[in-house]
């Protein structure tokens, strides 16, 4: 079936609302759309964004995992990033509140994908982000040996040398943070170098901000 004629324009407007931090307005606008337009994947992703940005990552995750549109997403990669983003927001919320068991549960869930996202799962999954944050939970609980073991897993993950998908580049960044926790300066420098020179320059318009994001990650590793 042809996509709703206004979905692409609506997505551009929702992007502007997100950049301005107008999350509640974005949610209200999305819910006012006709169902066929609201369920278009270009609008749906901003619905997920808006829920997560508004402090409702659990609702965002439910929407993400229940929508059949996620099986048809371009490239089959971005749904996995949003899945991780929702769980990251949940885990950080629990970690900051001192609910360590709940935080660990959210971060460990990053390593398992639901059936609705299993099709087209990336060959290089972003697991460093999960192991890095599991290390933070262990550190917060005073379990230094366990924390270091988890950070070693994150820092040692295979990295794609040159790839335009932001989820792969993000994996490198969290591997670098884990290496910094381990005081492995050589690994940190290696990862920072890859983040400076590993962008392949391909991809859709959504990917145009990746070089900028990679510069930010490289700065944060310095």
Protein backbone atom coordinates (compact mmCIF):
# COMPACT_ATOMS: atom_id res chain seq x y z
CA UNK A 1 0.00 0.00 0.00
CA UNK A 2 1.12 3.53 -0.69
CA UNK A 3 2.27 5.54 2.31
CA UNK A 4 -0.09 8.23 3.60
CA UNK A 5 0.57 11.38 1.54
CA UNK A 6 1.25 13.62 4.53
CA UNK A 7 3.32 11.26 6.69
CA UNK A 8 6.69 12.50 5.42
CA UNK A 9 5.75 16.15 6.01
CA UNK A 10 4.31 15.30 9.41
CA UNK A 11 7.57 13.59 10.36
CA UNK A 12 9.51 16.74 9.47
CA UNK A 13 7.25 18.80 11.73
CA UNK A 14 7.61 16.27 14.56
CA UNK A 15 11.38 16.42 14.17
CA UNK A 16 11.21 20.21 14.64
CA UNK A 17 9.11 19.78 17.79
CA UNK A 18 11.61 17.28 19.16
CA UNK A 19 14.55 19.58 18.52
CA UNK A 20 12.72 22.31 20.44
CA UNK A 21 11.98 19.97 23.35
CA UNK A 22 8.21 20.21 22.90
CA UNK A 23 7.54 16.57 23.74
CA UNK A 24 4.02 16.86 25.14
CA UNK A 25 2.92 18.93 22.15
CA UNK A 26 4.40 16.30 19.88
CA UNK A 27 2.48 13.53 21.65
CA UNK A 28 -0.77 15.45 21.40
CA UNK A 29 -0.25 16.07 17.70
CA UNK A 30 0.55 12.43 17.01
CA UNK A 31 -2.53 11.20 18.84
CA UNK A 32 -4.71 13.60 16.81
CA UNK A 33 -3.61 12.09 13.49
CA UNK A 34 -5.76 9.60 11.55
CA UNK A 35 -4.78 6.00 12.45
CA UNK A 36 -3.26 5.20 9.04
CA UNK A 37 -1.01 8.24 9.24
CA UNK A 38 -0.21 7.75 12.92
CA UNK A 39 0.91 4.17 12.21
CA UNK A 40 3.24 5.13 9.36
CA UNK A 41 6.77 4.20 10.44
CA UNK A 42 8.05 7.75 9.86
CA UNK A 43 5.53 9.11 12.35
CA UNK A 44 5.72 6.09 14.61
CA UNK A 45 9.40 6.60 15.33
CA UNK A 46 8.70 10.14 16.58
CA UNK A 47 5.89 8.75 18.74
CA UNK A 48 8.51 6.46 20.33
CA UNK A 49 10.94 9.39 20.65
CA UNK A 50 8.32 11.65 22.24
CA UNK A 51 7.30 9.07 24.82
CA UNK A 52 10.92 8.42 25.78
CA UNK A 53 11.79 12.13 25.84
CA UNK A 54 8.75 12.83 28.01
CA UNK A 55 10.04 10.40 30.66
CA UNK A 56 7.88 7.46 29.60
CA UNK A 57 10.43 4.90 28.30
CA UNK A 58 8.26 1.97 29.40
CA UNK A 59 5.39 3.18 27.19
CA UNK A 60 7.84 3.83 24.35
CA UNK A 61 9.18 0.29 24.65
CA UNK A 62 5.67 -1.19 24.62
CA UNK A 63 4.81 0.72 21.47
CA UNK A 64 8.07 -0.26 19.81
CA UNK A 65 7.73 -3.97 20.52
CA UNK A 66 4.02 -4.23 19.71
CA UNK A 67 3.98 -2.48 16.34
CA UNK A 68 4.12 -4.67 13.22
CA UNK A 69 5.69 -1.70 11.45
CA UNK A 70 8.95 -2.40 13.23
CA UNK A 71 9.45 -5.47 11.04
CA UNK A 72 9.40 -3.32 7.93
CA UNK A 73 11.66 -0.49 9.02
CA UNK A 74 14.26 0.71 6.55
CA UNK A 75 17.54 -1.09 7.06
CA UNK A 76 16.13 -3.10 9.99
CA UNK A 77 18.64 -1.37 12.28
CA UNK A 78 17.04 1.72 13.78
CA UNK A 79 14.38 -0.24 15.72
CA UNK A 80 17.22 -1.94 17.57
CA UNK A 81 18.72 1.41 18.52
CA UNK A 82 15.36 2.66 19.82
CA UNK A 83 14.92 -0.56 21.77
CA UNK A 84 18.27 0.04 23.45
CA UNK A 85 17.52 3.74 24.02
CA UNK A 86 14.26 2.92 25.82
CA UNK A 87 15.92 0.36 28.07
CA UNK A 88 18.85 2.69 28.71
CA UNK A 89 16.50 5.43 29.90
CA UNK A 90 14.70 2.96 32.15
CA UNK A 91 17.92 1.53 33.57
CA UNK A 92 19.44 4.94 34.27
CA UNK A 93 16.26 6.05 36.02
CA UNK A 94 16.40 3.00 38.28
CA UNK A 95 20.15 3.34 38.87
CA UNK A 96 19.83 6.99 39.88
CA UNK A 97 17.04 6.03 42.30
CA UNK A 98 19.24 3.35 43.89
CA UNK A 99 17.02 0.50 42.67
CA UNK A 100 19.97 -1.60 41.56
CA UNK A 101 18.13 -4.86 40.87
CA UNK A 102 15.67 -3.06 38.58
CA UNK A 103 18.50 -1.21 36.84
CA UNK A 104 20.39 -4.46 36.26
CA UNK A 105 17.24 -6.08 34.84
CA UNK A 106 16.79 -3.24 32.33
CA UNK A 107 20.43 -3.29 31.23
CA UNK A 108 20.48 -7.10 30.89
CA UNK A 109 17.35 -6.92 28.76
CA UNK A 110 19.44 -4.98 26.21
CA UNK A 111 21.18 -8.26 25.41
CA UNK A 112 17.93 -10.02 24.43
CA UNK A 113 15.73 -8.97 21.52
CA UNK A 114 11.98 -9.70 21.36
CA UNK A 115 10.61 -11.76 18.49
CA UNK A 116 9.10 -8.67 16.88
CA UNK A 117 12.58 -7.20 16.41
CA UNK A 118 14.38 -10.43 15.66
CA UNK A 119 14.04 -10.20 11.88
CA UNK A 120 17.06 -8.51 10.36
CA UNK A 121 18.88 -8.19 13.67
CA UNK A 122 22.26 -6.48 13.07
CA UNK A 123 25.22 -8.81 12.91
CA UNK A 124 27.21 -6.39 15.08
CA UNK A 125 24.88 -5.66 17.98
CA UNK A 126 25.38 -2.86 20.42
CA UNK A 127 26.27 -4.93 23.48
CA UNK A 128 29.03 -2.71 24.88
CA UNK A 129 26.39 -0.25 26.07
CA UNK A 130 24.74 -2.98 28.15
CA UNK A 131 27.95 -4.34 29.67
CA UNK A 132 29.26 -0.85 30.42
CA UNK A 133 26.12 0.08 32.34
CA UNK A 134 25.96 -3.29 34.09
CA UNK A 135 29.44 -2.42 35.28
CA UNK A 136 28.13 0.87 36.65
CA UNK A 137 25.48 -1.02 38.63
CA UNK A 138 28.10 -3.36 40.10
CA UNK A 139 30.33 -0.38 40.92
CA UNK A 140 27.45 1.38 42.68
CA UNK A 141 26.91 -1.75 44.77
CA UNK A 142 30.58 -1.86 45.77
CA UNK A 143 31.31 -4.93 43.64
CA UNK A 144 34.55 -3.70 42.08
CA UNK A 145 35.77 -7.06 40.73
CA UNK A 146 32.43 -7.73 39.02
CA UNK A 147 32.39 -4.21 37.60
CA UNK A 148 35.85 -4.61 36.08
CA UNK A 149 34.92 -7.99 34.58
CA UNK A 150 31.87 -6.43 32.90
CA UNK A 151 33.89 -3.48 31.61
CA UNK A 152 36.47 -5.87 30.18
CA UNK A 153 33.70 -7.52 28.13
CA UNK A 154 32.52 -4.11 26.89
CA UNK A 155 36.01 -2.90 26.01
CA UNK A 156 36.99 -6.12 24.23
CA UNK A 157 34.03 -6.31 21.85
CA UNK A 158 34.72 -6.49 18.14
CA UNK A 159 34.17 -3.13 16.48
CA UNK A 160 33.17 -2.36 12.92
CA UNK A 161 36.12 -0.43 11.50
CA UNK A 162 34.04 1.67 9.11
CA UNK A 163 30.27 1.77 9.18
CA UNK A 164 27.64 4.46 8.86
CA UNK A 165 25.03 2.99 11.24
CA UNK A 166 25.08 5.10 14.37
CA UNK A 167 24.34 2.11 16.61
CA UNK A 168 27.65 0.53 15.58
CA UNK A 169 29.55 3.75 16.25
CA UNK A 170 27.83 4.10 19.63
CA UNK A 171 29.02 0.62 20.52
CA UNK A 172 32.60 1.84 20.07
CA UNK A 173 31.99 4.85 22.31
CA UNK A 174 30.74 2.76 25.24
CA UNK A 175 33.59 0.32 24.70
CA UNK A 176 35.86 3.34 25.04
CA UNK A 177 34.18 4.42 28.27
CA UNK A 178 34.69 0.91 29.63
CA UNK A 179 38.36 1.02 28.62
CA UNK A 180 38.70 4.34 30.44
CA UNK A 181 37.19 2.77 33.57
CA UNK A 182 39.89 0.09 33.27
CA UNK A 183 42.55 2.78 32.78
CA UNK A 184 43.48 1.21 29.43
CA UNK A 185 44.63 4.40 27.72
CA UNK A 186 45.87 2.63 24.60
CA UNK A 187 42.41 1.14 23.97
CA UNK A 188 40.78 4.53 24.58
CA UNK A 189 43.09 6.19 22.03
CA UNK A 190 42.43 3.43 19.49
CA UNK A 191 38.67 3.79 19.80
CA UNK A 192 38.83 7.59 19.71
CA UNK A 193 40.86 7.34 16.50
CA UNK A 194 38.28 5.05 14.91
CA UNK A 195 35.51 7.46 15.87
CA UNK A 196 37.44 10.19 14.04
CA UNK A 197 38.22 8.28 10.87
CA UNK A 198 35.82 5.37 10.54
CA UNK A 199 32.74 6.99 9.00
CA UNK A 200 31.94 5.53 5.58
CA UNK A 201 29.92 8.52 4.41
CA UNK A 202 26.94 6.52 3.19
CA UNK A 203 23.35 6.41 4.34
CA UNK A 204 20.14 8.39 4.40
CA UNK A 205 19.57 12.00 5.37
CA UNK A 206 19.00 10.84 8.96
CA UNK A 207 22.64 9.75 9.07
CA UNK A 208 24.11 13.12 8.16
CA UNK A 209 24.64 14.07 11.80
CA UNK A 210 26.78 11.00 12.52
CA UNK A 211 30.15 12.72 11.92
CA UNK A 212 29.13 15.43 14.41
CA UNK A 213 28.00 12.83 16.95
CA UNK A 214 31.27 10.96 16.48
CA UNK A 215 33.20 14.15 17.22
CA UNK A 216 31.21 14.54 20.45
CA UNK A 217 31.97 10.96 21.46
CA UNK A 218 35.65 11.42 20.67
CA UNK A 219 35.72 14.60 22.79
CA UNK A 220 34.01 12.78 25.69
CA UNK A 221 36.66 10.06 25.57
CA UNK A 222 39.50 12.60 25.78
